[in-house]
N, C-alpha and C. Protein backbone atom coordinates (compact mmCIF):
# COMPACT_ATOMS: atom_id res chain seq x y z
N PHE A 1 98.29 161.23 62.60
CA PHE A 1 98.59 162.91 62.44
C PHE A 1 97.82 163.27 61.67
N THR A 2 97.99 164.82 61.39
CA THR A 2 97.54 165.82 60.38
C THR A 2 98.09 166.28 59.61
N ALA A 3 98.51 165.95 58.20
CA ALA A 3 99.22 167.25 57.89
C ALA A 3 98.46 168.49 57.33
N VAL A 4 99.05 169.55 57.17
CA VAL A 4 98.64 170.72 56.94
C VAL A 4 99.68 172.13 56.60
N PRO A 5 99.55 172.71 55.35
CA PRO A 5 100.49 173.27 54.87
C PRO A 5 101.07 174.03 55.60
N PRO A 6 102.23 174.61 55.49
CA PRO A 6 103.18 175.28 55.97
C PRO A 6 102.45 176.89 56.14
N GLY A 7 102.16 177.47 57.26
CA GLY A 7 101.57 178.31 58.05
C GLY A 7 100.56 178.12 57.89
N GLY A 8 99.83 177.23 58.17
CA GLY A 8 97.97 177.25 58.42
C GLY A 8 97.18 176.84 56.88
N CYS A 9 96.12 176.38 57.41
CA CYS A 9 94.73 176.73 56.16
C CYS A 9 94.20 178.01 56.26
N SER A 10 94.45 178.97 55.27
CA SER A 10 94.22 180.51 54.94
C SER A 10 92.50 179.86 53.77
N GLY A 11 92.07 180.28 54.05
CA GLY A 11 91.37 180.15 52.00
C GLY A 11 90.36 178.79 51.91
N GLU A 12 90.88 178.36 50.65
CA GLU A 12 90.85 176.74 50.07
C GLU A 12 91.85 175.95 50.96
N CYS A 13 91.37 175.23 51.85
CA CYS A 13 93.33 174.59 51.92
C CYS A 13 92.03 172.73 52.25
N VAL A 14 93.13 172.03 51.69
CA VAL A 14 92.95 170.77 51.86
C VAL A 14 93.75 169.88 53.02
N ALA A 15 93.77 169.62 53.95
CA ALA A 15 94.11 169.08 54.73
C ALA A 15 93.83 167.10 54.24
N ALA A 16 95.32 166.84 55.54
CA ALA A 16 95.49 165.20 55.36
C ALA A 16 95.70 164.59 56.77
N THR A 17 95.19 163.33 56.52
CA THR A 17 95.45 162.69 57.45
C THR A 17 95.74 161.52 57.66
N GLY A 18 96.85 160.95 58.21
CA GLY A 18 97.88 159.17 57.63
C GLY A 18 97.80 158.88 58.92
N SER A 19 99.14 157.73 59.16
CA SER A 19 99.34 157.38 59.65
C SER A 19 100.76 156.89 59.66
N THR A 20 101.59 156.53 60.86
CA THR A 20 102.75 155.61 60.11
C THR A 20 103.11 153.93 60.74
N GLY A 21 103.65 153.61 60.28
CA GLY A 21 103.71 152.10 60.45
C GLY A 21 104.63 151.04 60.01
N SER A 22 105.33 150.27 60.42
CA SER A 22 106.28 149.26 59.53
C SER A 22 106.05 149.67 57.91
N ALA A 23 105.51 149.80 57.58
CA ALA A 23 105.50 150.00 56.22
C ALA A 23 105.61 151.03 55.69
N GLY A 24 105.84 152.21 56.26
CA GLY A 24 105.77 153.14 55.88
C GLY A 24 104.67 154.09 56.46
N ILE A 25 104.32 155.23 56.03
CA ILE A 25 103.46 156.36 55.79
C ILE A 25 102.55 155.90 54.95
N SER A 26 101.18 156.38 55.64
CA SER A 26 99.95 156.09 55.09
C SER A 26 99.51 157.37 54.99
N LEU A 27 99.15 158.28 53.84
CA LEU A 27 98.56 159.54 53.33
C LEU A 27 97.48 159.50 53.14
N VAL A 28 96.46 160.11 53.81
CA VAL A 28 94.80 160.32 53.28
C VAL A 28 94.37 160.98 53.08
N ILE A 29 93.99 162.18 51.39
CA ILE A 29 93.49 163.58 51.53
C ILE A 29 92.21 163.19 51.13
N GLU A 30 91.25 163.47 51.78
CA GLU A 30 89.87 163.20 51.73
C GLU A 30 89.50 164.00 50.87
N GLY A 31 88.50 163.67 50.00
CA GLY A 31 87.73 164.09 48.99
C GLY A 31 88.31 163.94 47.53
N VAL A 32 90.21 162.94 47.81
CA VAL A 32 90.46 163.45 46.58
C VAL A 32 90.99 161.88 45.81
N ASP A 33 90.81 161.35 44.68
CA ASP A 33 90.76 159.64 44.00
C ASP A 33 91.52 160.30 43.58
N GLY A 34 92.59 159.23 43.68
CA GLY A 34 93.51 158.77 42.74
C GLY A 34 94.32 157.59 42.04
N GLU A 35 94.94 157.03 41.42
CA GLU A 35 95.14 155.48 41.16
C GLU A 35 96.38 156.18 40.52
N LEU A 36 96.76 155.00 40.96
CA LEU A 36 98.64 154.78 41.06
C LEU A 36 99.01 154.44 39.14
N PRO A 37 100.34 154.95 38.62
CA PRO A 37 100.63 155.50 37.42
C PRO A 37 100.55 154.11 36.95
N SER A 38 100.11 153.62 35.57
CA SER A 38 100.15 152.77 34.82
C SER A 38 102.00 152.93 34.09
N ALA A 39 102.72 153.75 34.06
CA ALA A 39 103.88 154.08 33.33
C ALA A 39 104.64 155.07 34.60
N LEU A 40 106.03 155.04 34.36
CA LEU A 40 106.99 155.71 34.53
C LEU A 40 107.89 156.13 33.55
N ASP A 41 108.27 157.47 33.39
CA ASP A 41 109.38 158.10 32.69
C ASP A 41 110.16 158.44 33.94
N VAL A 42 111.76 157.87 34.06
CA VAL A 42 112.95 158.06 34.81
C VAL A 42 113.95 158.39 34.27
N VAL A 43 114.43 160.09 34.14
CA VAL A 43 115.69 160.78 33.75
C VAL A 43 116.35 160.71 34.79
N PHE A 44 117.62 160.65 34.48
CA PHE A 44 118.80 161.12 34.69
C PHE A 44 120.28 161.45 34.17
N VAL A 45 119.73 163.02 35.12
CA VAL A 45 120.59 164.24 34.14
C VAL A 45 122.05 164.26 35.38
N VAL A 46 123.52 163.39 35.05
CA VAL A 46 124.39 163.32 35.91
C VAL A 46 125.28 164.29 34.85
N ASP A 47 126.70 164.71 35.54
CA ASP A 47 127.56 165.37 35.90
C ASP A 47 128.44 164.54 35.29
N ALA A 48 129.48 165.00 33.91
CA ALA A 48 130.74 164.01 33.69
C ALA A 48 131.80 165.33 33.94
N THR A 49 132.07 166.02 34.04
CA THR A 49 133.12 167.07 34.09
C THR A 49 134.03 165.97 34.92
N PHE A 50 135.09 166.35 35.13
CA PHE A 50 136.56 165.85 36.01
C PHE A 50 136.49 165.42 37.37
N SER A 51 135.79 166.40 38.15
CA SER A 51 135.88 165.47 39.25
C SER A 51 134.50 164.70 39.40
N MET A 52 133.83 164.37 38.82
CA MET A 52 132.94 163.13 38.47
C MET A 52 133.77 161.82 38.07
N ASN A 53 135.02 161.91 37.42
CA ASN A 53 135.83 160.95 37.69
C ASN A 53 136.07 159.30 38.14
N ASP A 54 135.71 159.00 39.20
CA ASP A 54 135.92 158.46 39.94
C ASP A 54 134.36 157.77 40.13
N GLU A 55 133.12 158.48 39.82
CA GLU A 55 131.44 158.15 40.62
C GLU A 55 130.77 157.64 38.77
N ILE A 56 131.03 157.77 37.47
CA ILE A 56 130.76 157.11 36.19
C ILE A 56 130.64 155.83 36.63
N ALA A 57 131.58 154.89 36.64
CA ALA A 57 131.05 153.63 36.80
C ALA A 57 130.37 152.53 37.75
N TYR A 58 130.42 154.07 39.16
CA TYR A 58 129.74 153.39 39.95
C TYR A 58 128.07 153.98 40.20
N LEU A 59 128.20 154.78 39.40
CA LEU A 59 126.69 155.43 38.81
C LEU A 59 126.05 154.49 38.28
N ALA A 60 126.89 154.56 37.04
CA ALA A 60 126.16 153.36 35.65
C ALA A 60 125.68 151.68 36.81
N THR A 61 126.61 151.31 37.35
CA THR A 61 126.02 150.16 38.31
C THR A 61 124.47 150.53 39.42
N GLU A 62 124.79 151.49 39.69
CA GLU A 62 123.86 151.89 40.64
C GLU A 62 122.64 151.70 40.29
N LEU A 63 122.28 152.78 38.77
CA LEU A 63 121.75 153.33 37.61
C LEU A 63 120.90 151.70 37.71
N THR A 64 121.29 150.29 37.20
CA THR A 64 120.70 149.46 36.99
C THR A 64 120.61 148.57 38.33
N SER A 65 120.88 149.19 39.34
CA SER A 65 120.33 148.17 40.58
C SER A 65 119.49 149.04 41.24
N VAL A 66 119.28 150.35 41.07
CA VAL A 66 117.83 151.13 41.79
C VAL A 66 117.09 150.97 41.08
N MET A 67 116.98 150.81 39.17
CA MET A 67 115.62 150.49 38.59
C MET A 67 115.68 149.18 38.89
N ASP A 68 116.11 148.35 38.71
CA ASP A 68 115.80 146.55 39.29
C ASP A 68 114.89 147.06 40.38
N ARG A 69 115.08 147.05 41.38
CA ARG A 69 114.37 147.57 42.74
C ARG A 69 112.79 148.05 41.92
N VAL A 70 112.92 148.98 41.64
CA VAL A 70 111.82 149.63 41.16
C VAL A 70 110.97 148.75 40.52
N GLN A 71 111.32 148.24 39.83
CA GLN A 71 110.46 147.28 38.58
C GLN A 71 110.44 146.29 39.43
N GLU A 72 110.71 145.45 40.94
CA GLU A 72 110.52 144.65 41.75
C GLU A 72 109.17 145.21 42.24
N ALA A 73 109.54 146.45 42.77
CA ALA A 73 108.99 147.46 43.76
C ALA A 73 107.23 148.02 43.42
N ILE A 74 107.14 147.77 41.65
CA ILE A 74 106.16 148.09 41.11
C ILE A 74 105.75 147.45 39.68
N PRO A 75 105.25 145.88 40.31
CA PRO A 75 105.38 144.77 38.61
C PRO A 75 104.14 145.32 37.90
N GLY A 76 104.71 145.27 36.55
CA GLY A 76 103.23 145.67 35.54
C GLY A 76 103.72 147.17 35.27
N VAL A 77 104.18 148.07 35.75
CA VAL A 77 104.38 149.49 35.50
C VAL A 77 105.29 149.71 34.14
N ASP A 78 104.61 150.23 33.30
CA ASP A 78 105.74 150.18 31.89
C ASP A 78 106.98 151.07 32.44
N ILE A 79 108.17 150.85 32.47
CA ILE A 79 108.95 151.82 32.82
C ILE A 79 110.33 152.30 31.69
N ARG A 80 110.24 153.31 31.49
CA ARG A 80 111.80 153.75 30.14
C ARG A 80 112.69 154.87 31.10
N VAL A 81 113.68 154.75 30.90
CA VAL A 81 114.73 155.70 31.20
C VAL A 81 115.67 156.51 30.72
N GLY A 82 115.99 157.89 30.32
CA GLY A 82 116.74 158.61 29.66
C GLY A 82 118.27 158.74 30.45
N LEU A 83 118.85 159.21 29.80
CA LEU A 83 120.08 159.89 30.68
C LEU A 83 120.58 160.71 29.54
N THR A 84 120.54 162.00 30.46
CA THR A 84 121.68 162.88 29.90
C THR A 84 122.99 163.10 30.25
N VAL A 85 123.54 163.52 29.76
CA VAL A 85 124.97 163.98 30.39
C VAL A 85 125.82 165.09 29.88
N TYR A 86 126.57 166.14 31.06
CA TYR A 86 126.75 167.18 30.63
C TYR A 86 128.30 167.34 30.97
N ARG A 87 128.69 168.35 30.31
CA ARG A 87 130.11 168.36 30.61
C ARG A 87 130.17 170.20 30.59
N ASN A 88 131.27 170.59 29.77
CA ASN A 88 131.24 172.35 29.75
C ASN A 88 130.33 172.74 28.24
N PRO A 89 129.94 173.67 28.50
CA PRO A 89 128.60 174.21 27.61
C PRO A 89 129.19 173.60 26.02
N GLY A 90 128.06 173.14 25.69
CA GLY A 90 127.88 172.31 24.14
C GLY A 90 128.37 170.98 24.01
N MET A 91 128.65 170.60 25.29
CA MET A 91 129.04 168.71 25.29
C MET A 91 128.13 168.07 26.22
N THR A 92 126.78 168.33 25.71
CA THR A 92 125.88 167.57 26.31
C THR A 92 125.18 166.55 25.58
N LEU A 93 125.48 165.57 26.14
CA LEU A 93 124.63 164.37 25.06
C LEU A 93 123.20 163.97 25.83
N ALA A 94 122.51 163.22 24.90
CA ALA A 94 121.16 163.18 25.59
C ALA A 94 120.62 161.54 24.66
N TYR A 95 120.09 160.96 25.46
CA TYR A 95 120.15 159.40 25.31
C TYR A 95 118.78 159.54 25.61
N GLY A 96 117.75 159.62 24.86
CA GLY A 96 116.61 159.44 24.74
C GLY A 96 115.67 158.45 26.05
N LEU A 97 114.68 158.27 25.90
CA LEU A 97 113.99 157.55 26.85
C LEU A 97 113.69 156.14 26.14
N SER A 98 113.88 155.34 26.84
CA SER A 98 114.16 153.84 26.32
C SER A 98 113.38 152.57 27.84
N LYS A 99 112.92 151.51 26.84
CA LYS A 99 112.98 150.61 28.21
C LYS A 99 113.93 149.59 28.45
N SER A 100 115.14 150.10 27.51
CA SER A 100 116.45 149.43 28.10
C SER A 100 117.58 149.84 29.33
N ILE A 101 116.54 149.62 30.44
CA ILE A 101 117.86 150.26 31.91
C ILE A 101 119.25 149.59 31.30
N SER A 102 119.25 148.85 30.94
CA SER A 102 120.97 148.21 30.92
C SER A 102 121.79 149.09 29.66
N GLU A 103 120.73 149.46 28.58
CA GLU A 103 121.14 150.15 27.90
C GLU A 103 121.86 151.35 27.74
N ARG A 104 120.77 152.03 29.20
CA ARG A 104 120.79 153.36 29.42
C ARG A 104 122.10 153.87 30.75
N ALA A 105 122.25 152.42 31.41
CA ALA A 105 123.38 152.37 32.11
C ALA A 105 124.42 152.21 31.46
N ASP A 106 124.46 151.06 30.23
CA ASP A 106 126.08 151.27 28.97
C ASP A 106 125.96 152.71 28.93
N ASP A 107 124.72 153.48 28.46
CA ASP A 107 125.49 154.49 27.91
C ASP A 107 126.15 155.66 28.64
N LEU A 108 125.94 155.21 30.12
CA LEU A 108 126.41 155.81 30.97
C LEU A 108 128.17 154.92 32.02
N ARG A 109 127.93 153.96 31.10
CA ARG A 109 129.06 153.89 31.87
C ARG A 109 130.38 153.86 30.61
N GLN A 110 129.97 154.33 29.12
CA GLN A 110 130.82 154.42 28.20
C GLN A 110 131.45 155.86 28.14
N GLN A 111 130.95 156.70 29.03
CA GLN A 111 131.14 158.09 29.39
C GLN A 111 132.77 158.20 29.73
N ARG A 112 133.45 159.45 29.08
CA ARG A 112 134.60 159.66 29.00
C ARG A 112 134.41 161.14 30.07
N VAL A 113 135.18 161.12 31.38
CA VAL A 113 135.12 162.50 32.05
C VAL A 113 135.54 163.77 30.91
N GLY A 114 135.45 164.93 31.28
CA GLY A 114 136.33 166.28 30.27
C GLY A 114 134.86 167.55 31.06
N GLY A 115 136.42 168.40 30.97
CA GLY A 115 136.14 170.12 31.30
C GLY A 115 136.19 170.37 32.42
N SER A 116 135.35 171.38 33.02
CA SER A 116 135.36 171.96 33.94
C SER A 116 133.91 172.93 34.82
N LEU A 117 133.36 173.00 33.31
CA LEU A 117 132.37 174.12 33.08
C LEU A 117 130.93 173.13 33.97
N GLU A 118 130.28 173.43 34.49
CA GLU A 118 129.00 173.27 34.94
C GLU A 118 127.82 173.17 34.34
N ALA A 119 127.74 172.64 32.73
CA ALA A 119 126.66 173.01 32.47
C ALA A 119 125.06 172.06 32.21
N MET A 120 124.76 172.46 33.81
CA MET A 120 123.32 171.58 33.78
C MET A 120 122.40 172.08 33.55
N ILE A 121 122.57 173.59 32.64
CA ILE A 121 120.73 174.04 32.51
C ILE A 121 120.77 173.32 31.43
N GLU A 122 121.95 173.20 30.41
CA GLU A 122 121.54 172.68 28.87
C GLU A 122 121.37 171.56 29.52
N ALA A 123 121.59 170.06 30.15
CA ALA A 123 121.26 169.13 30.52
C ALA A 123 120.02 169.46 30.84
N LEU A 124 119.58 170.03 31.68
CA LEU A 124 117.91 170.30 31.92
C LEU A 124 117.30 170.45 30.57
N ASP A 125 117.75 171.24 29.90
CA ASP A 125 116.74 171.14 29.09
C ASP A 125 116.58 170.48 28.10
N ALA A 126 118.41 170.24 27.78
CA ALA A 126 117.64 168.66 26.72
C ALA A 126 116.54 167.38 27.49
N ALA A 127 116.89 167.08 28.53
CA ALA A 127 115.89 166.35 29.35
C ALA A 127 114.32 166.73 29.17
N LEU A 128 114.43 167.85 29.48
CA LEU A 128 113.29 168.19 29.14
C LEU A 128 112.53 168.38 27.62
N GLU A 129 112.86 168.13 26.84
CA GLU A 129 113.01 167.83 25.68
C GLU A 129 112.58 166.59 25.05
N MET A 130 112.84 165.57 25.76
CA MET A 130 112.65 164.07 25.61
C MET A 130 111.44 164.04 25.21
N ASP A 131 111.33 162.45 24.91
CA ASP A 131 109.36 162.17 24.76
C ASP A 131 108.83 161.80 26.02
N TRP A 132 108.50 162.61 26.93
CA TRP A 132 107.78 162.00 28.24
C TRP A 132 106.64 161.74 27.91
N ARG A 133 106.01 160.66 28.33
CA ARG A 133 104.37 160.35 28.06
C ARG A 133 103.73 161.43 29.00
N GLY A 134 102.37 161.29 28.69
CA GLY A 134 101.49 162.22 29.76
C GLY A 134 100.49 161.21 29.83
N GLY A 135 99.35 161.42 30.23
CA GLY A 135 98.38 160.82 31.15
C GLY A 135 98.85 160.26 32.24
N ASN A 136 98.18 159.10 32.65
CA ASN A 136 98.65 158.53 33.43
C ASN A 136 99.94 157.59 33.98
N THR A 137 100.95 158.61 33.97
CA THR A 137 102.57 158.40 33.71
C THR A 137 103.01 159.36 34.85
N ALA A 138 103.79 158.27 36.02
CA ALA A 138 104.60 159.31 36.77
C ALA A 138 106.00 159.72 36.07
N ARG A 139 106.41 161.07 36.47
CA ARG A 139 107.50 162.09 35.14
C ARG A 139 108.64 162.27 36.60
N VAL A 140 109.72 161.32 36.13
CA VAL A 140 111.18 161.92 37.67
C VAL A 140 111.51 162.10 37.02
N MET A 141 112.47 163.06 37.20
CA MET A 141 114.16 163.44 36.90
C MET A 141 114.83 163.33 38.01
N PHE A 142 116.71 162.90 37.89
CA PHE A 142 117.06 163.07 39.46
C PHE A 142 118.56 163.94 38.56
N VAL A 143 118.78 164.44 39.20
CA VAL A 143 120.52 165.35 39.20
C VAL A 143 121.61 164.68 39.98
N VAL A 144 122.11 164.12 38.95
CA VAL A 144 122.86 163.80 40.01
C VAL A 144 124.82 164.56 39.89
N THR A 145 125.41 165.04 40.46
CA THR A 145 126.13 166.16 40.64
C THR A 145 126.93 166.33 42.00
N ASP A 146 128.12 167.10 41.96
CA ASP A 146 129.17 167.12 42.70
C ASP A 146 129.01 169.11 43.14
N GLU A 147 128.82 169.41 42.27
CA GLU A 147 129.26 171.14 41.87
C GLU A 147 127.95 171.63 41.53
N PRO A 148 127.65 172.92 41.50
CA PRO A 148 126.82 173.62 41.27
C PRO A 148 126.52 174.04 40.48
N PRO A 149 125.59 174.86 39.40
CA PRO A 149 125.71 174.49 37.87
C PRO A 149 127.09 175.56 37.85
N GLU A 150 126.85 176.19 36.60
CA GLU A 150 127.98 176.82 35.85
C GLU A 150 127.38 178.53 36.15
N ARG A 151 128.24 179.34 36.66
CA ARG A 151 127.83 180.45 36.97
C ARG A 151 127.40 181.80 35.90
N GLY A 152 126.39 182.09 36.81
CA GLY A 152 125.15 182.87 35.80
C GLY A 152 124.15 181.93 35.40
N THR A 153 124.17 180.73 35.64
CA THR A 153 122.45 179.99 35.39
C THR A 153 121.94 179.56 36.39
N TYR A 154 122.65 179.75 37.39
CA TYR A 154 121.80 179.13 39.25
C TYR A 154 120.57 179.50 38.57
N ALA A 155 120.33 180.82 38.60
CA ALA A 155 118.51 181.06 39.09
C ALA A 155 117.29 180.36 38.26
N ARG A 156 118.28 180.67 36.87
CA ARG A 156 117.22 179.77 36.15
C ARG A 156 117.49 178.46 36.25
N THR A 157 118.44 177.65 36.81
CA THR A 157 118.75 176.02 36.92
C THR A 157 117.40 175.34 37.96
N VAL A 158 117.81 176.20 39.03
CA VAL A 158 116.78 175.71 40.12
C VAL A 158 115.63 176.55 40.08
């Protein structure tokens, strides 16, 4: 297959070729060299309002499970996990990037839900302020919620 940006190529454009197989999709972009990251920083931004009451313990267990699978899939990569939990505005808690996945899962497990306003933008700001590494580091943020952000912050949040 050949991958081309939506609308085709106009001006400077790089097309990619690839193939599908039992191991997934392989994509090659001609003229671009890259190396796999040596480090991974992952931050989970989690909604802890009342509507998430049944989900927090489940999410803590899944956080550990997902990150264990990531460690197995990319051995040797230095992984850190951060957590930001939000409720109403002014009730956002940030737990910085740590090499201890179980510590962050415990932080999530200990959360008590509350509030009904979605202070997602506050949580995203707190997550962006964490000590993210530069250089050859993959940086990923997951937002886990069941509601849209607080009214009036939608455009800035997305």
